[in-house]
Amino acid sequence: MCRLNRLDSGDVKKQMNPIPTDDCEDGSSFGASTTCESQEQPDDWSQPGCSSDKRDSDVVALRNAATADLCSICMARPKCGILVHGRTSHRLTCYKCALQLQKRNQPCPVCRRRIQRVVRNFDA
């Protein structure tokens, strides 16, 4: 069976469409790549738009990764405020929220120690 892999300009996913002819060269067009396969499509392939447990877990993992670098207090700005206390420090808030914690004399949310200094961290 001959298959044609097409990429739409705005689409990132590859769609596999079976070609009704046996000759691969007849179905080729500009911007498309062809491959001939003698095997049938496996049963574990799912159709586009169908949900599966793996896709759901991937979405949850991406959502967790996206929020992992956000401030634990405001959830709007990136974590760049370092709470320094003694020889240790914690990075869990944005700089603005870290300054507010220090100004209000609140302890570190992680270890409950008094915040001695707030430092801004720049990732390069």
PDB file of N, CA and C in Angstrom:
ATOM      1  N   MET A   1       0.851  -1.173   0.000  1.00  0.00           N
ATOM      2  CA  MET A   1       0.000   0.000   0.000  1.00  0.00           C
ATOM      3  C   MET A   1       0.893   1.231   0.000  1.00  0.00           C
ATOM      4  N   CYS A   2       0.531   2.223  -0.712  1.00  0.00           N
ATOM      5  CA  CYS A   2       1.313   3.443  -0.834  1.00  0.00           C
ATOM      6  C   CYS A   2       0.688   4.532   0.034  1.00  0.00           C
ATOM      7  N   ARG A   3       1.513   5.276   0.760  1.00  0.00           N
ATOM      8  CA  ARG A   3       1.007   6.337   1.637  1.00  0.00           C
ATOM      9  C   ARG A   3       1.674   7.655   1.277  1.00  0.00           C
ATOM     10  N   LEU A   4       0.962   8.732   1.505  1.00  0.00           N
ATOM     11  CA  LEU A   4       1.463  10.066   1.202  1.00  0.00           C
ATOM     12  C   LEU A   4       1.455  10.881   2.484  1.00  0.00           C
ATOM     13  N   ASN A   5       2.612  11.398   2.880  1.00  0.00           N
ATOM     14  CA  ASN A   5       2.714  12.245   4.075  1.00  0.00           C
ATOM     15  C   ASN A   5       2.661  13.698   3.631  1.00  0.00           C
ATOM     16  N   ARG A   6       1.681  14.438   4.108  1.00  0.00           N
ATOM     17  CA  ARG A   6       1.551  15.845   3.735  1.00  0.00           C
ATOM     18  C   ARG A   6       1.644  16.714   4.968  1.00  0.00           C
ATOM     19  N   LEU A   7       2.286  17.858   4.811  1.00  0.00           N
ATOM     20  CA  LEU A   7       2.339  18.862   5.867  1.00  0.00           C
ATOM     21  C   LEU A   7       1.638  20.108   5.360  1.00  0.00           C
ATOM     22  N   ASP A   8       0.590  20.517   6.038  1.00  0.00           N
ATOM     23  CA  ASP A   8      -0.035  21.791   5.713  1.00  0.00           C
ATOM     24  C   ASP A   8       0.848  22.892   6.268  1.00  0.00           C
ATOM     25  N   SER A   9       0.751  24.102   5.701  1.00  0.00           N
ATOM     26  CA  SER A   9       1.625  25.188   6.119  1.00  0.00           C
ATOM     27  C   SER A   9       1.433  25.545   7.581  1.00  0.00           C
ATOM     28  N   GLY A  10       0.226  25.501   8.113  1.00  0.00           N
ATOM     29  CA  GLY A  10      -0.013  25.846   9.500  1.00  0.00           C
ATOM     30  C   GLY A  10      -0.103  24.641  10.411  1.00  0.00           C
ATOM     31  N   ASP A  11      -0.019  23.439   9.873  1.00  0.00           N
ATOM     32  CA  ASP A  11      -0.206  22.232  10.659  1.00  0.00           C
ATOM     33  C   ASP A  11       1.138  21.613  10.972  1.00  0.00           C
ATOM     34  N   VAL A  12       1.337  21.214  12.212  1.00  0.00           N
ATOM     35  CA  VAL A  12       2.591  20.615  12.617  1.00  0.00           C
ATOM     36  C   VAL A  12       2.527  19.098  12.532  1.00  0.00           C
ATOM     37  N   LYS A  13       1.337  18.552  12.618  1.00  0.00           N
ATOM     38  CA  LYS A  13       1.167  17.105  12.616  1.00  0.00           C
ATOM     39  C   LYS A  13       1.266  16.548  11.202  1.00  0.00           C
ATOM     40  N   LYS A  14       1.808  15.342  11.089  1.00  0.00           N
ATOM     41  CA  LYS A  14       1.844  14.653   9.804  1.00  0.00           C
ATOM     42  C   LYS A  14       0.582  13.822   9.688  1.00  0.00           C
ATOM     43  N   GLN A  15      -0.064  13.934   8.566  1.00  0.00           N
ATOM     44  CA  GLN A  15      -1.256  13.142   8.320  1.00  0.00           C
ATOM     45  C   GLN A  15      -0.914  12.108   7.261  1.00  0.00           C
ATOM     46  N   MET A  16      -1.292  10.865   7.506  1.00  0.00           N
ATOM     47  CA  MET A  16      -1.008   9.791   6.563  1.00  0.00           C
ATOM     48  C   MET A  16      -2.292   9.454   5.838  1.00  0.00           C
ATOM     49  N   ASN A  17      -2.288   9.630   4.519  1.00  0.00           N
ATOM     50  CA  ASN A  17      -3.459   9.375   3.693  1.00  0.00           C
ATOM     51  C   ASN A  17      -3.147   8.247   2.723  1.00  0.00           C
ATOM     52  N   PRO A  18      -3.968   7.197   2.680  1.00  0.00           N
ATOM     53  CA  PRO A  18      -3.713   6.122   1.716  1.00  0.00           C
ATOM     54  C   PRO A  18      -3.990   6.599   0.290  1.00  0.00           C
ATOM     55  N   ILE A  19      -3.141   6.168  -0.642  1.00  0.00           N
ATOM     56  CA  ILE A  19      -3.286   6.504  -2.055  1.00  0.00           C
ATOM     57  C   ILE A  19      -3.963   5.319  -2.732  1.00  0.00           C
ATOM     58  N   PRO A  20      -5.010   5.550  -3.522  1.00  0.00           N
ATOM     59  CA  PRO A  20      -5.721   4.433  -4.124  1.00  0.00           C
ATOM     60  C   PRO A  20      -4.923   3.705  -5.189  1.00  0.00           C
ATOM     61  N   THR A  21      -3.910   4.314  -5.787  1.00  0.00           N
ATOM     62  CA  THR A  21      -3.142   3.658  -6.846  1.00  0.00           C
ATOM     63  C   THR A  21      -1.993   2.870  -6.246  1.00  0.00           C
ATOM     64  N   ASP A  22      -1.476   1.909  -7.037  1.00  0.00           N
ATOM     65  CA  ASP A  22      -0.357   1.103  -6.585  1.00  0.00           C
ATOM     66  C   ASP A  22       0.975   1.765  -6.883  1.00  0.00           C
ATOM     67  N   ASP A  23       1.002   2.735  -7.763  1.00  0.00           N
ATOM     68  CA  ASP A  23       2.229   3.383  -8.169  1.00  0.00           C
ATOM     69  C   ASP A  23       2.424   4.644  -7.332  1.00  0.00           C
ATOM     70  N   CYS A  24       3.530   4.749  -6.611  1.00  0.00           N
ATOM     71  CA  CYS A  24       3.783   5.899  -5.743  1.00  0.00           C
ATOM     72  C   CYS A  24       4.013   7.174  -6.535  1.00  0.00           C
ATOM     73  N   GLU A  25       4.649   7.086  -7.663  1.00  0.00           N
ATOM     74  CA  GLU A  25       5.000   8.284  -8.406  1.00  0.00           C
ATOM     75  C   GLU A  25       3.775   9.004  -8.939  1.00  0.00           C
ATOM     76  N   ASP A  26       2.666   8.286  -9.177  1.00  0.00           N
ATOM     77  CA  ASP A  26       1.452   8.938  -9.670  1.00  0.00           C
ATOM     78  C   ASP A  26       0.832   9.851  -8.618  1.00  0.00           C
ATOM     79  N   GLY A  27       0.989   9.524  -7.337  1.00  0.00           N
ATOM     80  CA  GLY A  27       0.353  10.298  -6.276  1.00  0.00           C
ATOM     81  C   GLY A  27       1.223  11.408  -5.727  1.00  0.00           C
ATOM     82  N   SER A  28       2.471  11.522  -6.205  1.00  0.00           N
ATOM     83  CA  SER A  28       3.341  12.542  -5.630  1.00  0.00           C
ATOM     84  C   SER A  28       3.011  13.912  -6.202  1.00  0.00           C
ATOM     85  N   SER A  29       3.210  14.923  -5.371  1.00  0.00           N
ATOM     86  CA  SER A  29       2.988  16.304  -5.795  1.00  0.00           C
ATOM     87  C   SER A  29       4.031  17.182  -5.143  1.00  0.00           C
ATOM     88  N   PHE A  30       4.085  18.442  -5.551  1.00  0.00           N
ATOM     89  CA  PHE A  30       5.051  19.379  -5.002  1.00  0.00           C
ATOM     90  C   PHE A  30       4.778  19.572  -3.514  1.00  0.00           C
ATOM     91  N   GLY A  31       5.812  19.493  -2.661  1.00  0.00           N
ATOM     92  CA  GLY A  31       5.661  19.702  -1.226  1.00  0.00           C
ATOM     93  C   GLY A  31       5.193  18.481  -0.475  1.00  0.00           C
ATOM     94  N   ALA A  32       5.197  17.304  -1.100  1.00  0.00           N
ATOM     95  CA  ALA A  32       4.745  16.090  -0.422  1.00  0.00           C
ATOM     96  C   ALA A  32       5.821  15.031  -0.568  1.00  0.00           C
ATOM     97  N   SER A  33       5.967  14.203   0.444  1.00  0.00           N
ATOM     98  CA  SER A  33       6.909  13.093   0.373  1.00  0.00           C
ATOM     99  C   SER A  33       6.119  11.800   0.361  1.00  0.00           C
ATOM    100  N   THR A  34       6.612  10.815  -0.387  1.00  0.00           N
ATOM    101  CA  THR A  34       5.881   9.558  -0.504  1.00  0.00           C
ATOM    102  C   THR A  34       6.715   8.426   0.045  1.00  0.00           C
ATOM    103  N   THR A  35       6.027   7.417   0.578  1.00  0.00           N
ATOM    104  CA  THR A  35       6.664   6.185   1.018  1.00  0.00           C
ATOM    105  C   THR A  35       5.736   5.034   0.708  1.00  0.00           C
ATOM    106  N   CYS A  36       6.307   3.957   0.209  1.00  0.00           N
ATOM    107  CA  CYS A  36       5.525   2.760  -0.071  1.00  0.00           C
ATOM    108  C   CYS A  36       5.730   1.790   1.072  1.00  0.00           C
ATOM    109  N   GLU A  37       4.628   1.232   1.543  1.00  0.00           N
ATOM    110  CA  GLU A  37       4.695   0.263   2.614  1.00  0.00           C
ATOM    111  C   GLU A  37       3.807  -0.916   2.246  1.00  0.00           C
ATOM    112  N   SER A  38       4.289  -2.108   2.548  1.00  0.00           N
ATOM    113  CA  SER A  38       3.491  -3.291   2.259  1.00  0.00           C
ATOM    114  C   SER A  38       2.651  -3.700   3.459  1.00  0.00           C
ATOM    115  N   GLN A  39       2.886  -3.087   4.610  1.00  0.00           N
ATOM    116  CA  GLN A  39       2.147  -3.446   5.808  1.00  0.00           C
ATOM    117  C   GLN A  39       0.916  -2.560   5.950  1.00  0.00           C
ATOM    118  N   GLU A  40      -0.086  -3.097   6.606  1.00  0.00           N
ATOM    119  CA  GLU A  40      -1.299  -2.335   6.887  1.00  0.00           C
ATOM    120  C   GLU A  40      -1.064  -1.446   8.100  1.00  0.00           C
ATOM    121  N   GLN A  41      -1.953  -0.487   8.287  1.00  0.00           N
ATOM    122  CA  GLN A  41      -1.857   0.431   9.412  1.00  0.00           C
ATOM    123  C   GLN A  41      -2.122  -0.332  10.716  1.00  0.00           C
ATOM    124  N   PRO A  42      -1.247  -0.173  11.742  1.00  0.00           N
ATOM    125  CA  PRO A  42      -1.448  -0.885  13.001  1.00  0.00           C
ATOM    126  C   PRO A  42      -2.737  -0.433  13.686  1.00  0.00           C
ATOM    127  N   ASP A  43      -3.312  -1.341  14.491  1.00  0.00           N
ATOM    128  CA  ASP A  43      -4.563  -1.049  15.175  1.00  0.00           C
ATOM    129  C   ASP A  43      -4.409  -0.022  16.283  1.00  0.00           C
ATOM    130  N   ASP A  44      -3.187   0.149  16.850  1.00  0.00           N
ATOM    131  CA  ASP A  44      -3.024   1.053  17.973  1.00  0.00           C
ATOM    132  C   ASP A  44      -2.909   2.520  17.549  1.00  0.00           C
ATOM    133  N   TRP A  45      -2.879   2.805  16.249  1.00  0.00           N
ATOM    134  CA  TRP A  45      -2.855   4.195  15.797  1.00  0.00           C
ATOM    135  C   TRP A  45      -4.240   4.769  16.002  1.00  0.00           C
ATOM    136  N   SER A  46      -4.301   5.957  16.520  1.00  0.00           N
ATOM    137  CA  SER A  46      -5.613   6.573  16.731  1.00  0.00           C
ATOM    138  C   SER A  46      -5.833   7.658  15.693  1.00  0.00           C
ATOM    139  N   GLN A  47      -7.062   7.941  15.422  1.00  0.00           N
ATOM    140  CA  GLN A  47      -7.425   8.965  14.452  1.00  0.00           C
ATOM    141  C   GLN A  47      -7.196  10.345  15.063  1.00  0.00           C
ATOM    142  N   PRO A  48      -6.889  11.367  14.235  1.00  0.00           N
ATOM    143  CA  PRO A  48      -6.754  12.717  14.756  1.00  0.00           C
ATOM    144  C   PRO A  48      -8.069  13.163  15.382  1.00  0.00           C
ATOM    145  N   GLY A  49      -7.980  13.775  16.545  1.00  0.00           N
ATOM    146  CA  GLY A  49      -9.174  14.237  17.230  1.00  0.00           C
ATOM    147  C   GLY A  49      -9.664  13.275  18.281  1.00  0.00           C
ATOM    148  N   CYS A  50      -9.193  12.029  18.270  1.00  0.00           N
ATOM    149  CA  CYS A  50      -9.590  11.053  19.282  1.00  0.00           C
ATOM    150  C   CYS A  50      -8.705  11.246  20.506  1.00  0.00           C
ATOM    151  N   SER A  51      -9.270  11.071  21.677  1.00  0.00           N
ATOM    152  CA  SER A  51      -8.481  11.226  22.892  1.00  0.00           C
ATOM    153  C   SER A  51      -8.013   9.863  23.375  1.00  0.00           C
ATOM    154  N   SER A  52      -6.885   9.863  24.035  1.00  0.00           N
ATOM    155  CA  SER A  52      -6.364   8.640  24.623  1.00  0.00           C
ATOM    156  C   SER A  52      -5.724   8.995  25.952  1.00  0.00           C
ATOM    157  N   ASP A  53      -5.443   7.987  26.752  1.00  0.00           N
ATOM    158  CA  ASP A  53      -4.833   8.223  28.057  1.00  0.00           C
ATOM    159  C   ASP A  53      -3.452   8.839  27.919  1.00  0.00           C
ATOM    160  N   LYS A  54      -2.684   8.399  26.916  1.00  0.00           N
ATOM    161  CA  LYS A  54      -1.335   8.929  26.726  1.00  0.00           C
ATOM    162  C   LYS A  54      -1.387  10.403  26.360  1.00  0.00           C
ATOM    163  N   ARG A  55      -2.280  10.782  25.473  1.00  0.00           N
ATOM    164  CA  ARG A  55      -2.403  12.188  25.086  1.00  0.00           C
ATOM    165  C   ARG A  55      -2.847  13.038  26.267  1.00  0.00           C
ATOM    166  N   ASP A  56      -3.774  12.522  27.075  1.00  0.00           N
ATOM    167  CA  ASP A  56      -4.234  13.260  28.246  1.00  0.00           C
ATOM    168  C   ASP A  56      -3.097  13.471  29.235  1.00  0.00           C
ATOM    169  N   SER A  57      -2.281  12.451  29.444  1.00  0.00           N
ATOM    170  CA  SER A  57      -1.159  12.595  30.371  1.00  0.00           C
ATOM    171  C   SER A  57      -0.108  13.545  29.811  1.00  0.00           C
ATOM    172  N   ASP A  58       0.064  13.575  28.482  1.00  0.00           N
ATOM    173  CA  ASP A  58       0.990  14.516  27.866  1.00  0.00           C
ATOM    174  C   ASP A  58       0.520  15.952  28.065  1.00  0.00           C
ATOM    175  N   VAL A  59      -0.773  16.181  27.946  1.00  0.00           N
ATOM    176  CA  VAL A  59      -1.325  17.526  28.142  1.00  0.00           C
ATOM    177  C   VAL A  59      -1.113  17.972  29.581  1.00  0.00           C
ATOM    178  N   VAL A  60      -1.342  17.080  30.524  1.00  0.00           N
ATOM    179  CA  VAL A  60      -1.143  17.408  31.937  1.00  0.00           C
ATOM    180  C   VAL A  60       0.326  17.697  32.211  1.00  0.00           C
ATOM    181  N   ALA A  61       1.222  16.919  31.627  1.00  0.00           N
ATOM    182  CA  ALA A  61       2.652  17.134  31.820  1.00  0.00           C
ATOM    183  C   ALA A  61       3.087  18.473  31.247  1.00  0.00           C
ATOM    184  N   LEU A  62       2.580  18.832  30.069  1.00  0.00           N
ATOM    185  CA  LEU A  62       2.916  20.128  29.485  1.00  0.00           C
ATOM    186  C   LEU A  62       2.377  21.273  30.327  1.00  0.00           C
ATOM    187  N   ARG A  63       1.169  21.114  30.839  1.00  0.00           N
ATOM    188  CA  ARG A  63       0.582  22.154  31.680  1.00  0.00           C
ATOM    189  C   ARG A  63       1.386  22.324  32.966  1.00  0.00           C
ATOM    190  N   ASN A  64       1.839  21.224  33.565  1.00  0.00           N
ATOM    191  CA  ASN A  64       2.652  21.298  34.775  1.00  0.00           C
ATOM    192  C   ASN A  64       4.003  21.934  34.491  1.00  0.00           C
ATOM    193  N   ALA A  65       4.599  21.628  33.349  1.00  0.00           N
ATOM    194  CA  ALA A  65       5.881  22.217  32.983  1.00  0.00           C
ATOM    195  C   ALA A  65       5.748  23.712  32.744  1.00  0.00           C
ATOM    196  N   ALA A  66       4.627  24.137  32.182  1.00  0.00           N
ATOM    197  CA  ALA A  66       4.422  25.555  31.912  1.00  0.00           C
ATOM    198  C   ALA A  66       4.243  26.341  33.200  1.00  0.00           C
ATOM    199  N   THR A  67       3.606  25.770  34.200  1.00  0.00           N
ATOM    200  CA  THR A  67       3.381  26.479  35.457  1.00  0.00           C
ATOM    201  C   THR A  67       4.507  26.269  36.456  1.00  0.00           C
ATOM    202  N   ALA A  68       5.458  25.396  36.173  1.00  0.00           N
ATOM    203  CA  ALA A  68       6.548  25.130  37.107  1.00  0.00           C
ATOM    204  C   ALA A  68       7.461  26.335  37.272  1.00  0.00           C
ATOM    205  N   ASP A  69       7.594  27.160  36.264  1.00  0.00           N
ATOM    206  CA  ASP A  69       8.478  28.315  36.340  1.00  0.00           C
ATOM    207  C   ASP A  69       7.747  29.600  36.690  1.00  0.00           C
ATOM    208  N   LEU A  70       6.487  29.520  37.100  1.00  0.00           N
ATOM    209  CA  LEU A  70       5.740  30.705  37.501  1.00  0.00           C
ATOM    210  C   LEU A  70       5.822  30.889  39.008  1.00  0.00           C
ATOM    211  N   CYS A  71       5.681  32.138  39.436  1.00  0.00           N
ATOM    212  CA  CYS A  71       5.715  32.495  40.848  1.00  0.00           C
ATOM    213  C   CYS A  71       4.685  31.678  41.621  1.00  0.00           C
ATOM    214  N   SER A  72       5.083  31.150  42.762  1.00  0.00           N
ATOM    215  CA  SER A  72       4.186  30.329  43.576  1.00  0.00           C
ATOM    216  C   SER A  72       3.111  31.151  44.274  1.00  0.00           C
ATOM    217  N   ILE A  73       3.284  32.465  44.328  1.00  0.00           N
ATOM    218  CA  ILE A  73       2.310  33.317  45.010  1.00  0.00           C
ATOM    219  C   ILE A  73       1.323  33.936  44.022  1.00  0.00           C
ATOM    220  N   CYS A  74       1.825  34.657  43.021  1.00  0.00           N
ATOM    221  CA  CYS A  74       0.921  35.359  42.091  1.00  0.00           C
ATOM    222  C   CYS A  74       0.590  34.532  40.856  1.00  0.00           C
ATOM    223  N   MET A  75       1.377  33.531  40.519  1.00  0.00           N
ATOM    224  CA  MET A  75       1.188  32.669  39.341  1.00  0.00           C
ATOM    225  C   MET A  75       1.094  33.467  38.037  1.00  0.00           C
ATOM    226  N   ALA A  76       1.736  34.647  37.989  1.00  0.00           N
ATOM    227  CA  ALA A  76       1.676  35.484  36.795  1.00  0.00           C
ATOM    228  C   ALA A  76       3.054  35.782  36.214  1.00  0.00           C
ATOM    229  N   ARG A  77       4.057  35.896  37.049  1.00  0.00           N
ATOM    230  CA  ARG A  77       5.396  36.268  36.598  1.00  0.00           C
ATOM    231  C   ARG A  77       6.362  35.108  36.837  1.00  0.00           C
ATOM    232  N   PRO A  78       7.488  35.098  36.116  1.00  0.00           N
ATOM    233  CA  PRO A  78       8.450  33.994  36.291  1.00  0.00           C
ATOM    234  C   PRO A  78       9.165  34.071  37.639  1.00  0.00           C
ATOM    235  N   LYS A  79       9.627  32.926  38.104  1.00  0.00           N
ATOM    236  CA  LYS A  79      10.377  32.859  39.357  1.00  0.00           C
ATOM    237  C   LYS A  79      11.756  33.463  39.139  1.00  0.00           C
ATOM    238  N   CYS A  80      11.980  34.628  39.690  1.00  0.00           N
ATOM    239  CA  CYS A  80      13.303  35.237  39.591  1.00  0.00           C
ATOM    240  C   CYS A  80      13.718  35.859  40.914  1.00  0.00           C
ATOM    241  N   GLY A  81      12.874  35.809  41.926  1.00  0.00           N
ATOM    242  CA  GLY A  81      13.206  36.346  43.242  1.00  0.00           C
ATOM    243  C   GLY A  81      13.770  35.261  44.135  1.00  0.00           C
ATOM    244  N   ILE A  82      14.974  35.500  44.652  1.00  0.00           N
ATOM    245  CA  ILE A  82      15.636  34.542  45.527  1.00  0.00           C
ATOM    246  C   ILE A  82      15.498  35.040  46.963  1.00  0.00           C
ATOM    247  N   LEU A  83      14.959  34.192  47.834  1.00  0.00           N
ATOM    248  CA  LEU A  83      14.834  34.509  49.252  1.00  0.00           C
ATOM    249  C   LEU A  83      16.073  33.973  49.957  1.00  0.00           C
ATOM    250  N   VAL A  84      16.914  34.875  50.460  1.00  0.00           N
ATOM    251  CA  VAL A  84      18.176  34.482  51.082  1.00  0.00           C
ATOM    252  C   VAL A  84      18.017  34.531  52.596  1.00  0.00           C
ATOM    253  N   HIS A  85      18.459  33.471  53.259  1.00  0.00           N
ATOM    254  CA  HIS A  85      18.448  33.415  54.722  1.00  0.00           C
ATOM    255  C   HIS A  85      19.611  32.545  55.165  1.00  0.00           C
ATOM    256  N   GLY A  86      20.580  33.175  55.800  1.00  0.00           N
ATOM    257  CA  GLY A  86      21.782  32.451  56.221  1.00  0.00           C
ATOM    258  C   GLY A  86      22.596  32.008  55.022  1.00  0.00           C
ATOM    259  N   ARG A  87      22.985  30.756  55.016  1.00  0.00           N
ATOM    260  CA  ARG A  87      23.785  30.216  53.915  1.00  0.00           C
ATOM    261  C   ARG A  87      22.921  29.534  52.868  1.00  0.00           C
ATOM    262  N   THR A  88      21.622  29.573  53.048  1.00  0.00           N
ATOM    263  CA  THR A  88      20.707  28.933  52.101  1.00  0.00           C
ATOM    264  C   THR A  88      19.782  29.965  51.474  1.00  0.00           C
ATOM    265  N   SER A  89      19.147  29.554  50.391  1.00  0.00           N
ATOM    266  CA  SER A  89      18.177  30.426  49.717  1.00  0.00           C
ATOM    267  C   SER A  89      17.156  29.550  48.999  1.00  0.00           C
ATOM    268  N   HIS A  90      16.017  30.142  48.682  1.00  0.00           N
ATOM    269  CA  HIS A  90      14.965  29.445  47.948  1.00  0.00           C
ATOM    270  C   HIS A  90      14.480  30.332  46.816  1.00  0.00           C
ATOM    271  N   ARG A  91      14.210  29.695  45.681  1.00  0.00           N
ATOM    272  CA  ARG A  91      13.692  30.399  44.510  1.00  0.00           C
ATOM    273  C   ARG A  91      12.300  29.852  44.218  1.00  0.00           C
ATOM    274  N   LEU A  92      11.277  30.568  44.654  1.00  0.00           N
ATOM    275  CA  LEU A  92       9.917  30.109  44.430  1.00  0.00           C
ATOM    276  C   LEU A  92       8.964  31.238  44.091  1.00  0.00           C
ATOM    277  N   THR A  93       9.431  32.491  44.100  1.00  0.00           N
ATOM    278  CA  THR A  93       8.555  33.628  43.819  1.00  0.00           C
ATOM    279  C   THR A  93       9.181  34.540  42.776  1.00  0.00           C
ATOM    280  N   CYS A  94       8.355  35.460  42.271  1.00  0.00           N
ATOM    281  CA  CYS A  94       8.887  36.516  41.410  1.00  0.00           C
ATOM    282  C   CYS A  94       9.555  37.562  42.309  1.00  0.00           C
ATOM    283  N   TYR A  95      10.278  38.475  41.720  1.00  0.00           N
ATOM    284  CA  TYR A  95      11.012  39.475  42.495  1.00  0.00           C
ATOM    285  C   TYR A  95      10.060  40.373  43.281  1.00  0.00           C
ATOM    286  N   LYS A  96       8.961  40.767  42.667  1.00  0.00           N
ATOM    287  CA  LYS A  96       7.997  41.656  43.323  1.00  0.00           C
ATOM    288  C   LYS A  96       7.381  40.992  44.555  1.00  0.00           C
ATOM    289  N   CYS A  97       6.951  39.748  44.437  1.00  0.00           N
ATOM    290  CA  CYS A  97       6.365  39.027  45.575  1.00  0.00           C
ATOM    291  C   CYS A  97       7.411  38.765  46.655  1.00  0.00           C
ATOM    292  N   ALA A  98       8.655  38.502  46.259  1.00  0.00           N
ATOM    293  CA  ALA A  98       9.724  38.282  47.235  1.00  0.00           C
ATOM    294  C   ALA A  98       9.970  39.547  48.049  1.00  0.00           C
ATOM    295  N   LEU A  99       9.962  40.709  47.386  1.00  0.00           N
ATOM    296  CA  LEU A  99      10.129  41.975  48.110  1.00  0.00           C
ATOM    297  C   LEU A  99       8.968  42.225  49.067  1.00  0.00           C
ATOM    298  N   GLN A 100       7.753  41.869  48.651  1.00  0.00           N
ATOM    299  CA  GLN A 100       6.584  42.037  49.522  1.00  0.00           C
ATOM    300  C   GLN A 100       6.691  41.143  50.761  1.00  0.00           C
ATOM    301  N   LEU A 101       7.161  39.916  50.589  1.00  0.00           N
ATOM    302  CA  LEU A 101       7.352  39.029  51.741  1.00  0.00           C
ATOM    303  C   LEU A 101       8.358  39.618  52.724  1.00  0.00           C
ATOM    304  N   GLN A 102       9.459  40.144  52.198  1.00  0.00           N
ATOM    305  CA  GLN A 102      10.489  40.722  53.056  1.00  0.00           C
ATOM    306  C   GLN A 102       9.977  41.991  53.741  1.00  0.00           C
ATOM    307  N   LYS A 103       9.264  42.832  53.009  1.00  0.00           N
ATOM    308  CA  LYS A 103       8.744  44.091  53.552  1.00  0.00           C
ATOM    309  C   LYS A 103       7.765  43.834  54.698  1.00  0.00           C
ATOM    310  N   ARG A 104       6.956  42.791  54.592  1.00  0.00           N
ATOM    311  CA  ARG A 104       5.953  42.462  55.614  1.00  0.00           C
ATOM    312  C   ARG A 104       6.524  41.580  56.735  1.00  0.00           C
ATOM    313  N   ASN A 105       7.832  41.352  56.703  1.00  0.00           N
ATOM    314  CA  ASN A 105       8.514  40.519  57.706  1.00  0.00           C
ATOM    315  C   ASN A 105       7.908  39.121  57.813  1.00  0.00           C
ATOM    316  N   GLN A 106       7.486  38.583  56.686  1.00  0.00           N
ATOM    317  CA  GLN A 106       6.955  37.222  56.673  1.00  0.00           C
ATOM    318  C   GLN A 106       8.110  36.244  56.488  1.00  0.00           C
ATOM    319  N   PRO A 107       7.997  35.051  57.041  1.00  0.00           N
ATOM    320  CA  PRO A 107       9.073  34.063  56.893  1.00  0.00           C
ATOM    321  C   PRO A 107       9.071  33.441  55.492  1.00  0.00           C
ATOM    322  N   CYS A 108      10.137  32.738  55.198  1.00  0.00           N
ATOM    323  CA  CYS A 108      10.247  32.003  53.933  1.00  0.00           C
ATOM    324  C   CYS A 108       9.137  30.956  53.881  1.00  0.00           C
ATOM    325  N   PRO A 109       8.368  30.903  52.800  1.00  0.00           N
ATOM    326  CA  PRO A 109       7.277  29.925  52.711  1.00  0.00           C
ATOM    327  C   PRO A 109       7.738  28.466  52.712  1.00  0.00           C
ATOM    328  N   VAL A 110       9.001  28.221  52.407  1.00  0.00           N
ATOM    329  CA  VAL A 110       9.497  26.845  52.351  1.00  0.00           C
ATOM    330  C   VAL A 110       9.971  26.367  53.723  1.00  0.00           C
ATOM    331  N   CYS A 111      10.851  27.148  54.354  1.00  0.00           N
ATOM    332  CA  CYS A 111      11.480  26.673  55.590  1.00  0.00           C
ATOM    333  C   CYS A 111      11.103  27.495  56.820  1.00  0.00           C
ATOM    334  N   ARG A 112      10.311  28.525  56.659  1.00  0.00           N
ATOM    335  CA  ARG A 112       9.815  29.378  57.740  1.00  0.00           C
ATOM    336  C   ARG A 112      10.918  30.175  58.440  1.00  0.00           C
ATOM    337  N   ARG A 113      12.083  30.326  57.820  1.00  0.00           N
ATOM    338  CA  ARG A 113      13.156  31.151  58.388  1.00  0.00           C
ATOM    339  C   ARG A 113      12.941  32.601  57.999  1.00  0.00           C
ATOM    340  N   ARG A 114      13.535  33.517  58.768  1.00  0.00           N
ATOM    341  CA  ARG A 114      13.419  34.944  58.485  1.00  0.00           C
ATOM    342  C   ARG A 114      14.204  35.283  57.217  1.00  0.00           C
ATOM    343  N   ILE A 115      13.588  36.049  56.328  1.00  0.00           N
ATOM    344  CA  ILE A 115      14.221  36.436  55.064  1.00  0.00           C
ATOM    345  C   ILE A 115      15.183  37.584  55.345  1.00  0.00           C
ATOM    346  N   GLN A 116      16.467  37.369  55.086  1.00  0.00           N
ATOM    347  CA  GLN A 116      17.477  38.390  55.326  1.00  0.00           C
ATOM    348  C   GLN A 116      17.647  39.318  54.129  1.00  0.00           C
ATOM    349  N   ARG A 117      17.527  38.758  52.943  1.00  0.00           N
ATOM    350  CA  ARG A 117      17.777  39.542  51.739  1.00  0.00           C
ATOM    351  C   ARG A 117      17.030  38.924  50.570  1.00  0.00           C
ATOM    352  N   VAL A 118      16.686  39.767  49.589  1.00  0.00           N
ATOM    353  CA  VAL A 118      16.048  39.311  48.351  1.00  0.00           C
ATOM    354  C   VAL A 118      16.982  39.649  47.197  1.00  0.00           C
ATOM    355  N   VAL A 119      17.231  38.669  46.350  1.00  0.00           N
ATOM    356  CA  VAL A 119      18.125  38.837  45.205  1.00  0.00           C
ATOM    357  C   VAL A 119      17.348  38.494  43.947  1.00  0.00           C
ATOM    358  N   ARG A 120      17.579  39.273  42.879  1.00  0.00           N
ATOM    359  CA  ARG A 120      16.951  38.974  41.588  1.00  0.00           C
ATOM    360  C   ARG A 120      17.880  38.076  40.788  1.00  0.00           C
ATOM    361  N   ASN A 121      17.331  37.013  40.242  1.00  0.00           N
ATOM    362  CA  ASN A 121      18.089  36.045  39.454  1.00  0.00           C
ATOM    363  C   ASN A 121      17.775  36.241  37.974  1.00  0.00           C
ATOM    364  N   PHE A 122      18.811  36.270  37.148  1.00  0.00           N
ATOM    365  CA  PHE A 122      18.645  36.369  35.701  1.00  0.00           C
ATOM    366  C   PHE A 122      19.162  35.084  35.070  1.00  0.00           C
ATOM    367  N   ASP A 123      18.300  34.389  34.348  1.00  0.00           N
ATOM    368  CA  ASP A 123      18.712  33.179  33.646  1.00  0.00           C
ATOM    369  C   ASP A 123      19.308  33.566  32.304  1.00  0.00           C
ATOM    370  N   ALA A 124      20.459  32.985  31.994  1.00  0.00           N
ATOM    371  CA  ALA A 124      21.106  33.295  30.718  1.00  0.00           C
ATOM    372  C   ALA A 124      21.166  32.072  29.847  1.00  0.00           C
TER     373      ALA A 124
END
